Amino acid sequence: MNVVLIVGSAPDAVRINSLDLSLFSSCIAINNAWRLKREWDYVIYPEDFPIQRQPKNSPVIKKIITAKDYV
């Protein structure tokens, strides 16, 4: 079974720190949620997401998806 965790940047998103992420096939961060842990399968953010808040090219993030990819 393919189980995907999608984490947004809500205040309670820090709850992922208490989860066993190995239970998920993929972990996806939206907007600022990428800051909650080092490794993500996908990070998604919109075209108006401030550059200073965007993740830098990181070898531990498998794919960064921007508005150019989904709009």
Protein backbone atom coordinates (compact mmCIF):
# COMPACT_ATOMS: atom_id res chain seq x y z
CA MET A 1 0.00 0.00 0.00
CA ASN A 2 1.20 3.53 -0.78
CA VAL A 3 0.75 5.77 2.27
CA VAL A 4 1.69 9.42 1.83
CA LEU A 5 2.15 12.00 4.58
CA ILE A 6 1.43 15.60 3.55
CA VAL A 7 2.47 18.25 6.07
CA GLY A 8 1.47 21.89 5.82
CA SER A 9 2.82 24.81 7.76
CA ALA A 10 0.11 24.93 10.44
CA PRO A 11 1.26 25.42 14.05
CA ASP A 12 0.53 21.80 14.99
CA ALA A 13 2.66 20.47 12.10
CA VAL A 14 5.49 19.97 14.62
CA ARG A 15 3.62 16.81 15.63
CA ILE A 16 5.54 15.01 12.88
CA ASN A 17 8.52 14.97 15.23
CA SER A 18 6.72 12.30 17.26
CA LEU A 19 5.81 10.13 14.25
CA ASP A 20 7.67 7.16 12.85
CA LEU A 21 8.06 8.46 9.30
CA SER A 22 9.27 5.08 8.04
CA LEU A 23 5.59 4.07 8.03
CA PHE A 24 4.99 6.37 5.04
CA SER A 25 5.88 5.71 1.41
CA SER A 26 6.48 9.41 0.80
CA CYS A 27 6.67 12.52 2.95
CA ILE A 28 5.61 15.82 1.40
CA ALA A 29 6.12 19.29 2.87
CA ILE A 30 4.08 22.28 1.77
CA ASN A 31 5.40 25.83 2.18
CA ASN A 32 7.35 26.33 5.45
CA ALA A 33 6.85 22.76 6.64
CA TRP A 34 10.13 21.76 4.95
CA ARG A 35 11.92 23.30 7.94
CA LEU A 36 10.51 20.70 10.34
CA LYS A 37 12.95 17.97 9.32
CA ARG A 38 15.97 17.54 7.06
CA GLU A 39 14.77 14.89 4.66
CA TRP A 40 11.67 15.16 2.48
CA ASP A 41 10.62 13.26 -0.59
CA TYR A 42 8.89 16.34 -2.01
CA VAL A 43 8.72 20.01 -1.07
CA ILE A 44 5.95 22.06 -2.69
CA TYR A 45 5.54 25.83 -2.66
CA PRO A 46 3.72 28.48 -4.76
CA GLU A 47 5.21 31.13 -7.04
CA ASP A 48 4.75 33.87 -4.43
CA PHE A 49 6.63 31.96 -1.72
CA PRO A 50 9.43 34.31 -0.55
CA ILE A 51 12.88 33.37 -1.84
CA GLN A 52 14.42 33.68 1.63
CA ARG A 53 12.00 30.99 2.89
CA GLN A 54 12.61 28.54 0.06
CA PRO A 55 14.87 25.56 0.70
CA LYS A 56 18.25 25.76 -0.93
CA ASN A 57 19.36 22.95 -3.20
CA SER A 58 19.59 20.16 -0.70
CA PRO A 59 20.87 16.64 -1.38
CA VAL A 60 18.40 15.26 1.20
CA ILE A 61 15.28 16.69 -0.49
CA LYS A 62 14.45 14.37 -3.37
CA LYS A 63 12.32 16.83 -5.40
CA ILE A 64 11.29 20.47 -5.07
CA ILE A 65 8.02 21.27 -6.84
CA THR A 66 7.23 24.90 -7.61
CA ALA A 67 4.22 26.58 -9.22
CA LYS A 68 5.95 26.15 -12.59
CA ASP A 69 5.47 22.40 -12.15
CA TYR A 70 1.78 22.35 -11.19
CA VAL A 71 0.12 25.46 -12.67
